[in-house]
mmCIF file of all heavy atoms, coordinates in Angstrom:
data_MODEL
# 
_entry.id   MODEL 
# 
loop_
_atom_site.group_PDB 
_atom_site.id 
_atom_site.type_symbol 
_atom_site.label_atom_id 
_atom_site.label_alt_id 
_atom_site.label_comp_id 
_atom_site.label_asym_id 
_atom_site.label_entity_id 
_atom_site.label_seq_id 
_atom_site.pdbx_PDB_ins_code 
_atom_site.Cartn_x 
_atom_site.Cartn_y 
_atom_site.Cartn_z 
_atom_site.occupancy 
_atom_site.B_iso_or_equiv 
_atom_site.pdbx_formal_charge 
_atom_site.auth_seq_id 
_atom_site.auth_comp_id 
_atom_site.auth_asym_id 
_atom_site.auth_atom_id 
_atom_site.pdbx_PDB_model_num 
ATOM 1   N N   . LEU A 1 1  ? 7.270   72.509 -26.531 1.00 0.00 ? 1  LEU A N   1 
ATOM 2   C CA  . LEU A 1 1  ? 7.971   72.928 -27.723 1.00 0.00 ? 1  LEU A CA  1 
ATOM 3   C C   . LEU A 1 1  ? 9.008   74.102 -27.360 1.00 0.00 ? 1  LEU A C   1 
ATOM 4   O O   . LEU A 1 1  ? 10.158  74.091 -27.890 1.00 0.00 ? 1  LEU A O   1 
ATOM 5   C CB  . LEU A 1 1  ? 7.136   73.358 -28.778 1.00 0.00 ? 1  LEU A CB  1 
ATOM 6   C CG  . LEU A 1 1  ? 6.291   72.249 -29.492 1.00 0.00 ? 1  LEU A CG  1 
ATOM 7   C CD1 . LEU A 1 1  ? 5.399   72.849 -30.518 1.00 0.00 ? 1  LEU A CD1 1 
ATOM 8   C CD2 . LEU A 1 1  ? 7.225   71.199 -30.140 1.00 0.00 ? 1  LEU A CD2 1 
ATOM 9   N N   . ILE A 1 2  ? 8.624   75.016 -26.489 1.00 0.00 ? 2  ILE A N   1 
ATOM 10  C CA  . ILE A 1 2  ? 9.425   76.118 -26.150 1.00 0.00 ? 2  ILE A CA  1 
ATOM 11  C C   . ILE A 1 2  ? 10.258  75.894 -24.982 1.00 0.00 ? 2  ILE A C   1 
ATOM 12  O O   . ILE A 1 2  ? 11.297  76.630 -24.746 1.00 0.00 ? 2  ILE A O   1 
ATOM 13  C CB  . ILE A 1 2  ? 8.608   77.464 -25.967 1.00 0.00 ? 2  ILE A CB  1 
ATOM 14  C CG1 . ILE A 1 2  ? 7.781   77.240 -24.630 1.00 0.00 ? 2  ILE A CG1 1 
ATOM 15  C CG2 . ILE A 1 2  ? 7.679   77.686 -27.148 1.00 0.00 ? 2  ILE A CG2 1 
ATOM 16  C CD1 . ILE A 1 2  ? 6.829   78.479 -24.318 1.00 0.00 ? 2  ILE A CD1 1 
ATOM 17  N N   . GLY A 1 3  ? 10.069  74.828 -24.285 1.00 0.00 ? 3  GLY A N   1 
ATOM 18  C CA  . GLY A 1 3  ? 11.003  74.546 -23.129 1.00 0.00 ? 3  GLY A CA  1 
ATOM 19  C C   . GLY A 1 3  ? 10.693  75.218 -21.776 1.00 0.00 ? 3  GLY A C   1 
ATOM 20  O O   . GLY A 1 3  ? 9.851   76.186 -21.807 1.00 0.00 ? 3  GLY A O   1 
ATOM 21  N N   . ASP A 1 4  ? 11.371  74.977 -20.735 1.00 0.00 ? 4  ASP A N   1 
ATOM 22  C CA  . ASP A 1 4  ? 11.154  75.482 -19.467 1.00 0.00 ? 4  ASP A CA  1 
ATOM 23  C C   . ASP A 1 4  ? 11.653  76.891 -19.321 1.00 0.00 ? 4  ASP A C   1 
ATOM 24  O O   . ASP A 1 4  ? 11.187  77.719 -18.443 1.00 0.00 ? 4  ASP A O   1 
ATOM 25  C CB  . ASP A 1 4  ? 11.715  74.645 -18.377 1.00 0.00 ? 4  ASP A CB  1 
ATOM 26  C CG  . ASP A 1 4  ? 10.983  73.275 -18.382 1.00 0.00 ? 4  ASP A CG  1 
ATOM 27  O OD1 . ASP A 1 4  ? 9.887   73.233 -18.752 1.00 0.00 ? 4  ASP A OD1 1 
ATOM 28  O OD2 . ASP A 1 4  ? 11.624  72.313 -17.929 1.00 0.00 ? 4  ASP A OD2 1 
ATOM 29  N N   . LYS A 1 5  ? 12.705  77.304 -20.078 1.00 0.00 ? 5  LYS A N   1 
ATOM 30  C CA  . LYS A 1 5  ? 13.306  78.722 -19.859 1.00 0.00 ? 5  LYS A CA  1 
ATOM 31  C C   . LYS A 1 5  ? 12.516  79.762 -20.395 1.00 0.00 ? 5  LYS A C   1 
ATOM 32  O O   . LYS A 1 5  ? 12.698  80.933 -20.049 1.00 0.00 ? 5  LYS A O   1 
ATOM 33  C CB  . LYS A 1 5  ? 14.726  78.649 -20.590 1.00 0.00 ? 5  LYS A CB  1 
ATOM 34  C CG  . LYS A 1 5  ? 15.687  77.747 -19.818 1.00 0.00 ? 5  LYS A CG  1 
ATOM 35  C CD  . LYS A 1 5  ? 17.141  77.841 -20.475 1.00 0.00 ? 5  LYS A CD  1 
ATOM 36  C CE  . LYS A 1 5  ? 18.113  76.973 -19.677 1.00 0.00 ? 5  LYS A CE  1 
ATOM 37  N NZ  . LYS A 1 5  ? 19.503  77.166 -20.330 1.00 0.00 ? 5  LYS A NZ  1 
ATOM 38  N N   . CYS A 1 6  ? 11.630  79.459 -21.446 1.00 0.00 ? 6  CYS A N   1 
ATOM 39  C CA  . CYS A 1 6  ? 10.765  80.556 -21.901 1.00 0.00 ? 6  CYS A CA  1 
ATOM 40  C C   . CYS A 1 6  ? 9.484   80.692 -21.146 1.00 0.00 ? 6  CYS A C   1 
ATOM 41  O O   . CYS A 1 6  ? 8.853   79.743 -20.845 1.00 0.00 ? 6  CYS A O   1 
ATOM 42  C CB  . CYS A 1 6  ? 10.373  80.151 -23.404 1.00 0.00 ? 6  CYS A CB  1 
ATOM 43  S SG  . CYS A 1 6  ? 9.460   81.417 -24.286 1.00 0.00 ? 6  CYS A SG  1 
ATOM 44  N N   . GLN A 1 7  ? 9.255   81.931 -20.566 1.00 0.00 ? 7  GLN A N   1 
ATOM 45  C CA  . GLN A 1 7  ? 8.166   82.177 -19.741 1.00 0.00 ? 7  GLN A CA  1 
ATOM 46  C C   . GLN A 1 7  ? 6.875   82.505 -20.536 1.00 0.00 ? 7  GLN A C   1 
ATOM 47  O O   . GLN A 1 7  ? 6.852   83.303 -21.558 1.00 0.00 ? 7  GLN A O   1 
ATOM 48  C CB  . GLN A 1 7  ? 8.528   83.409 -18.817 1.00 0.00 ? 7  GLN A CB  1 
ATOM 49  C CG  . GLN A 1 7  ? 7.379   83.771 -17.874 1.00 0.00 ? 7  GLN A CG  1 
ATOM 50  C CD  . GLN A 1 7  ? 7.117   82.705 -16.892 1.00 0.00 ? 7  GLN A CD  1 
ATOM 51  O OE1 . GLN A 1 7  ? 7.992   82.355 -16.164 1.00 0.00 ? 7  GLN A OE1 1 
ATOM 52  N NE2 . GLN A 1 7  ? 5.910   82.186 -16.930 1.00 0.00 ? 7  GLN A NE2 1 
ATOM 53  N N   . LEU A 1 8  ? 5.801   81.907 -19.999 1.00 0.00 ? 8  LEU A N   1 
ATOM 54  C CA  . LEU A 1 8  ? 4.476   82.230 -20.592 1.00 0.00 ? 8  LEU A CA  1 
ATOM 55  C C   . LEU A 1 8  ? 3.692   83.288 -19.778 1.00 0.00 ? 8  LEU A C   1 
ATOM 56  O O   . LEU A 1 8  ? 3.666   83.041 -18.553 1.00 0.00 ? 8  LEU A O   1 
ATOM 57  C CB  . LEU A 1 8  ? 3.706   80.931 -20.668 1.00 0.00 ? 8  LEU A CB  1 
ATOM 58  C CG  . LEU A 1 8  ? 3.859   79.944 -21.811 1.00 0.00 ? 8  LEU A CG  1 
ATOM 59  C CD1 . LEU A 1 8  ? 3.106   78.708 -21.568 1.00 0.00 ? 8  LEU A CD1 1 
ATOM 60  C CD2 . LEU A 1 8  ? 3.528   80.578 -23.153 1.00 0.00 ? 8  LEU A CD2 1 
ATOM 61  N N   . VAL A 1 9  ? 3.195   84.276 -20.430 1.00 0.00 ? 9  VAL A N   1 
ATOM 62  C CA  . VAL A 1 9  ? 2.441   85.281 -19.740 1.00 0.00 ? 9  VAL A CA  1 
ATOM 63  C C   . VAL A 1 9  ? 1.014   85.250 -20.370 1.00 0.00 ? 9  VAL A C   1 
ATOM 64  O O   . VAL A 1 9  ? 0.950   85.437 -21.655 1.00 0.00 ? 9  VAL A O   1 
ATOM 65  C CB  . VAL A 1 9  ? 3.011   86.780 -19.931 1.00 0.00 ? 9  VAL A CB  1 
ATOM 66  C CG1 . VAL A 1 9  ? 2.049   87.749 -19.253 1.00 0.00 ? 9  VAL A CG1 1 
ATOM 67  C CG2 . VAL A 1 9  ? 4.379   86.711 -19.241 1.00 0.00 ? 9  VAL A CG2 1 
ATOM 68  N N   . ILE A 1 10 ? -0.013  85.067 -19.680 1.00 0.00 ? 10 ILE A N   1 
ATOM 69  C CA  . ILE A 1 10 ? -1.393  84.889 -20.167 1.00 0.00 ? 10 ILE A CA  1 
ATOM 70  C C   . ILE A 1 10 ? -2.293  86.041 -19.707 1.00 0.00 ? 10 ILE A C   1 
ATOM 71  O O   . ILE A 1 10 ? -2.356  86.321 -18.522 1.00 0.00 ? 10 ILE A O   1 
ATOM 72  C CB  . ILE A 1 10 ? -1.964  83.521 -19.813 1.00 0.00 ? 10 ILE A CB  1 
ATOM 73  C CG1 . ILE A 1 10 ? -1.072  82.400 -20.132 1.00 0.00 ? 10 ILE A CG1 1 
ATOM 74  C CG2 . ILE A 1 10 ? -3.327  83.447 -20.513 1.00 0.00 ? 10 ILE A CG2 1 
ATOM 75  C CD1 . ILE A 1 10 ? -0.797  82.241 -21.622 1.00 0.00 ? 10 ILE A CD1 1 
ATOM 76  N N   . GLY A 1 11 ? -2.862  86.783 -20.546 1.00 0.00 ? 11 GLY A N   1 
ATOM 77  C CA  . GLY A 1 11 ? -3.738  87.867 -20.225 1.00 0.00 ? 11 GLY A CA  1 
ATOM 78  C C   . GLY A 1 11 ? -5.083  87.683 -20.940 1.00 0.00 ? 11 GLY A C   1 
ATOM 79  O O   . GLY A 1 11 ? -5.300  86.849 -21.783 1.00 0.00 ? 11 GLY A O   1 
ATOM 80  N N   . GLY A 1 12 ? -6.024  88.603 -20.575 1.00 0.00 ? 12 GLY A N   1 
ATOM 81  C CA  . GLY A 1 12 ? -7.305  88.467 -21.213 1.00 0.00 ? 12 GLY A CA  1 
ATOM 82  C C   . GLY A 1 12 ? -8.502  88.242 -20.275 1.00 0.00 ? 12 GLY A C   1 
ATOM 83  O O   . GLY A 1 12 ? -8.292  87.738 -19.133 1.00 0.00 ? 12 GLY A O   1 
ATOM 84  N N   . GLN A 1 13 ? -9.694  88.498 -20.800 1.00 0.00 ? 13 GLN A N   1 
ATOM 85  C CA  . GLN A 1 13 ? -10.953 88.363 -19.954 1.00 0.00 ? 13 GLN A CA  1 
ATOM 86  C C   . GLN A 1 13 ? -11.150 86.931 -19.574 1.00 0.00 ? 13 GLN A C   1 
ATOM 87  O O   . GLN A 1 13 ? -11.906 86.626 -18.537 1.00 0.00 ? 13 GLN A O   1 
ATOM 88  C CB  . GLN A 1 13 ? -12.084 88.919 -20.685 1.00 0.00 ? 13 GLN A CB  1 
ATOM 89  C CG  . GLN A 1 13 ? -11.926 90.459 -21.060 1.00 0.00 ? 13 GLN A CG  1 
ATOM 90  C CD  . GLN A 1 13 ? -13.124 90.995 -21.856 1.00 0.00 ? 13 GLN A CD  1 
ATOM 91  O OE1 . GLN A 1 13 ? -13.881 90.257 -22.388 1.00 0.00 ? 13 GLN A OE1 1 
ATOM 92  N NE2 . GLN A 1 13 ? -13.224 92.242 -21.851 1.00 0.00 ? 13 GLN A NE2 1 
ATOM 93  N N   . ALA A 1 14 ? -10.659 85.891 -20.283 1.00 0.00 ? 14 ALA A N   1 
ATOM 94  C CA  . ALA A 1 14 ? -11.041 84.560 -20.040 1.00 0.00 ? 14 ALA A CA  1 
ATOM 95  C C   . ALA A 1 14 ? -9.984  83.780 -19.267 1.00 0.00 ? 14 ALA A C   1 
ATOM 96  O O   . ALA A 1 14 ? -10.042 82.540 -19.174 1.00 0.00 ? 14 ALA A O   1 
ATOM 97  C CB  . ALA A 1 14 ? -11.257 83.859 -21.365 1.00 0.00 ? 14 ALA A CB  1 
ATOM 98  N N   . VAL A 1 15 ? -9.062  84.525 -18.684 1.00 0.00 ? 15 VAL A N   1 
ATOM 99  C CA  . VAL A 1 15 ? -7.938  83.810 -17.980 1.00 0.00 ? 15 VAL A CA  1 
ATOM 100 C C   . VAL A 1 15 ? -8.540  82.868 -16.871 1.00 0.00 ? 15 VAL A C   1 
ATOM 101 O O   . VAL A 1 15 ? -8.025  81.831 -16.690 1.00 0.00 ? 15 VAL A O   1 
ATOM 102 C CB  . VAL A 1 15 ? -6.952  84.857 -17.392 1.00 0.00 ? 15 VAL A CB  1 
ATOM 103 C CG1 . VAL A 1 15 ? -6.085  84.247 -16.307 1.00 0.00 ? 15 VAL A CG1 1 
ATOM 104 C CG2 . VAL A 1 15 ? -6.148  85.579 -18.437 1.00 0.00 ? 15 VAL A CG2 1 
ATOM 105 N N   . ALA A 1 16 ? -9.485  83.394 -16.145 1.00 0.00 ? 16 ALA A N   1 
ATOM 106 C CA  . ALA A 1 16 ? -10.088 82.619 -14.967 1.00 0.00 ? 16 ALA A CA  1 
ATOM 107 C C   . ALA A 1 16 ? -10.513 81.281 -15.480 1.00 0.00 ? 16 ALA A C   1 
ATOM 108 O O   . ALA A 1 16 ? -10.525 80.278 -14.708 1.00 0.00 ? 16 ALA A O   1 
ATOM 109 C CB  . ALA A 1 16 ? -11.005 83.356 -14.289 1.00 0.00 ? 16 ALA A CB  1 
ATOM 110 N N   . SER A 1 17 ? -10.956 81.174 -16.687 1.00 0.00 ? 17 SER A N   1 
ATOM 111 C CA  . SER A 1 17 ? -11.568 79.837 -17.244 1.00 0.00 ? 17 SER A CA  1 
ATOM 112 C C   . SER A 1 17 ? -10.490 78.893 -17.362 1.00 0.00 ? 17 SER A C   1 
ATOM 113 O O   . SER A 1 17 ? -10.781 77.581 -17.565 1.00 0.00 ? 17 SER A O   1 
ATOM 114 C CB  . SER A 1 17 ? -12.302 80.141 -18.484 1.00 0.00 ? 17 SER A CB  1 
ATOM 115 O OG  . SER A 1 17 ? -13.341 81.011 -18.282 1.00 0.00 ? 17 SER A OG  1 
ATOM 116 N N   . PHE A 1 18 ? -9.261  79.159 -17.445 1.00 0.00 ? 18 PHE A N   1 
ATOM 117 C CA  . PHE A 1 18 ? -8.235  78.135 -17.811 1.00 0.00 ? 18 PHE A CA  1 
ATOM 118 C C   . PHE A 1 18 ? -7.120  78.073 -16.585 1.00 0.00 ? 18 PHE A C   1 
ATOM 119 O O   . PHE A 1 18 ? -6.017  77.791 -16.851 1.00 0.00 ? 18 PHE A O   1 
ATOM 120 C CB  . PHE A 1 18 ? -7.495  78.666 -19.034 1.00 0.00 ? 18 PHE A CB  1 
ATOM 121 C CG  . PHE A 1 18 ? -8.351  78.801 -20.182 1.00 0.00 ? 18 PHE A CG  1 
ATOM 122 C CD1 . PHE A 1 18 ? -8.924  80.051 -20.589 1.00 0.00 ? 18 PHE A CD1 1 
ATOM 123 C CD2 . PHE A 1 18 ? -8.707  77.744 -21.008 1.00 0.00 ? 18 PHE A CD2 1 
ATOM 124 C CE1 . PHE A 1 18 ? -9.703  80.173 -21.639 1.00 0.00 ? 18 PHE A CE1 1 
ATOM 125 C CE2 . PHE A 1 18 ? -9.518  77.882 -22.082 1.00 0.00 ? 18 PHE A CE2 1 
ATOM 126 C CZ  . PHE A 1 18 ? -10.084 79.077 -22.374 1.00 0.00 ? 18 PHE A CZ  1 
ATOM 127 N N   . SER A 1 19 ? -7.642  78.294 -15.396 1.00 0.00 ? 19 SER A N   1 
ATOM 128 C CA  . SER A 1 19 ? -6.835  78.250 -14.178 1.00 0.00 ? 19 SER A CA  1 
ATOM 129 C C   . SER A 1 19 ? -5.939  77.037 -14.151 1.00 0.00 ? 19 SER A C   1 
ATOM 130 O O   . SER A 1 19 ? -4.731  77.040 -13.932 1.00 0.00 ? 19 SER A O   1 
ATOM 131 C CB  . SER A 1 19 ? -7.513  78.573 -12.968 1.00 0.00 ? 19 SER A CB  1 
ATOM 132 O OG  . SER A 1 19 ? -8.149  79.769 -12.945 1.00 0.00 ? 19 SER A OG  1 
ATOM 133 N N   . GLN A 1 20 ? -6.582  75.945 -14.240 1.00 0.00 ? 20 GLN A N   1 
ATOM 134 C CA  . GLN A 1 20 ? -5.878  74.601 -14.089 1.00 0.00 ? 20 GLN A CA  1 
ATOM 135 C C   . GLN A 1 20 ? -4.788  74.398 -15.074 1.00 0.00 ? 20 GLN A C   1 
ATOM 136 O O   . GLN A 1 20 ? -3.620  74.078 -14.710 1.00 0.00 ? 20 GLN A O   1 
ATOM 137 C CB  . GLN A 1 20 ? -6.796  73.460 -14.143 1.00 0.00 ? 20 GLN A CB  1 
ATOM 138 C CG  . GLN A 1 20 ? -6.188  72.112 -13.792 1.00 0.00 ? 20 GLN A CG  1 
ATOM 139 C CD  . GLN A 1 20 ? -5.589  72.070 -12.423 1.00 0.00 ? 20 GLN A CD  1 
ATOM 140 O OE1 . GLN A 1 20 ? -6.158  72.302 -11.528 1.00 0.00 ? 20 GLN A OE1 1 
ATOM 141 N NE2 . GLN A 1 20 ? -4.310  71.752 -12.432 1.00 0.00 ? 20 GLN A NE2 1 
ATOM 142 N N   . VAL A 1 21 ? -4.999  74.626 -16.313 1.00 0.00 ? 21 VAL A N   1 
ATOM 143 C CA  . VAL A 1 21 ? -3.955  74.414 -17.283 1.00 0.00 ? 21 VAL A CA  1 
ATOM 144 C C   . VAL A 1 21 ? -2.834  75.299 -17.234 1.00 0.00 ? 21 VAL A C   1 
ATOM 145 O O   . VAL A 1 21 ? -1.641  75.102 -17.417 1.00 0.00 ? 21 VAL A O   1 
ATOM 146 C CB  . VAL A 1 21 ? -4.578  74.332 -18.710 1.00 0.00 ? 21 VAL A CB  1 
ATOM 147 C CG1 . VAL A 1 21 ? -5.029  75.649 -19.165 1.00 0.00 ? 21 VAL A CG1 1 
ATOM 148 C CG2 . VAL A 1 21 ? -3.507  73.848 -19.789 1.00 0.00 ? 21 VAL A CG2 1 
ATOM 149 N N   . LEU A 1 22 ? -3.235  76.645 -16.758 1.00 0.00 ? 22 LEU A N   1 
ATOM 150 C CA  . LEU A 1 22 ? -2.165  77.737 -16.622 1.00 0.00 ? 22 LEU A CA  1 
ATOM 151 C C   . LEU A 1 22 ? -1.259  77.313 -15.469 1.00 0.00 ? 22 LEU A C   1 
ATOM 152 O O   . LEU A 1 22 ? -0.062  77.580 -15.459 1.00 0.00 ? 22 LEU A O   1 
ATOM 153 C CB  . LEU A 1 22 ? -2.803  79.070 -16.323 1.00 0.00 ? 22 LEU A CB  1 
ATOM 154 C CG  . LEU A 1 22 ? -3.678  79.576 -17.437 1.00 0.00 ? 22 LEU A CG  1 
ATOM 155 C CD1 . LEU A 1 22 ? -4.154  81.032 -17.173 1.00 0.00 ? 22 LEU A CD1 1 
ATOM 156 C CD2 . LEU A 1 22 ? -2.907  79.577 -18.807 1.00 0.00 ? 22 LEU A CD2 1 
ATOM 157 N N   . ASP A 1 23 ? -1.845  76.664 -14.392 1.00 0.00 ? 23 ASP A N   1 
ATOM 158 C CA  . ASP A 1 23 ? -0.953  76.098 -13.350 1.00 0.00 ? 23 ASP A CA  1 
ATOM 159 C C   . ASP A 1 23 ? -0.056  75.079 -13.906 1.00 0.00 ? 23 ASP A C   1 
ATOM 160 O O   . ASP A 1 23 ? 1.113   75.029 -13.476 1.00 0.00 ? 23 ASP A O   1 
ATOM 161 C CB  . ASP A 1 23 ? -1.917  75.560 -12.314 1.00 0.00 ? 23 ASP A CB  1 
ATOM 162 C CG  . ASP A 1 23 ? -2.604  76.658 -11.490 1.00 0.00 ? 23 ASP A CG  1 
ATOM 163 O OD1 . ASP A 1 23 ? -2.322  77.782 -11.676 1.00 0.00 ? 23 ASP A OD1 1 
ATOM 164 O OD2 . ASP A 1 23 ? -3.485  76.272 -10.635 1.00 0.00 ? 23 ASP A OD2 1 
ATOM 165 N N   . ASP A 1 24 ? -0.706  74.168 -14.709 1.00 0.00 ? 24 ASP A N   1 
ATOM 166 C CA  . ASP A 1 24 ? 0.118   73.003 -15.265 1.00 0.00 ? 24 ASP A CA  1 
ATOM 167 C C   . ASP A 1 24 ? 1.270   73.521 -16.079 1.00 0.00 ? 24 ASP A C   1 
ATOM 168 O O   . ASP A 1 24 ? 2.379   72.828 -16.073 1.00 0.00 ? 24 ASP A O   1 
ATOM 169 C CB  . ASP A 1 24 ? -0.804  72.115 -16.100 1.00 0.00 ? 24 ASP A CB  1 
ATOM 170 C CG  . ASP A 1 24 ? -1.880  71.394 -15.250 1.00 0.00 ? 24 ASP A CG  1 
ATOM 171 O OD1 . ASP A 1 24 ? -1.674  71.426 -13.950 1.00 0.00 ? 24 ASP A OD1 1 
ATOM 172 O OD2 . ASP A 1 24 ? -2.996  71.054 -15.897 1.00 0.00 ? 24 ASP A OD2 1 
ATOM 173 N N   . VAL A 1 25 ? 1.123   74.544 -16.825 1.00 0.00 ? 25 VAL A N   1 
ATOM 174 C CA  . VAL A 1 25 ? 2.293   74.937 -17.710 1.00 0.00 ? 25 VAL A CA  1 
ATOM 175 C C   . VAL A 1 25 ? 3.080   76.068 -17.058 1.00 0.00 ? 25 VAL A C   1 
ATOM 176 O O   . VAL A 1 25 ? 3.972   76.622 -17.715 1.00 0.00 ? 25 VAL A O   1 
ATOM 177 C CB  . VAL A 1 25 ? 1.640   75.513 -19.067 1.00 0.00 ? 25 VAL A CB  1 
ATOM 178 C CG1 . VAL A 1 25 ? 0.906   74.312 -19.781 1.00 0.00 ? 25 VAL A CG1 1 
ATOM 179 C CG2 . VAL A 1 25 ? 0.782   76.703 -18.887 1.00 0.00 ? 25 VAL A CG2 1 
# 
């Protein structure tokens, strides 16, 4: 929805649990 130009920054204690999907997006 937000497109490729908008950067996603993910923080928090559970970041390591979502490594694969964070790579994907």
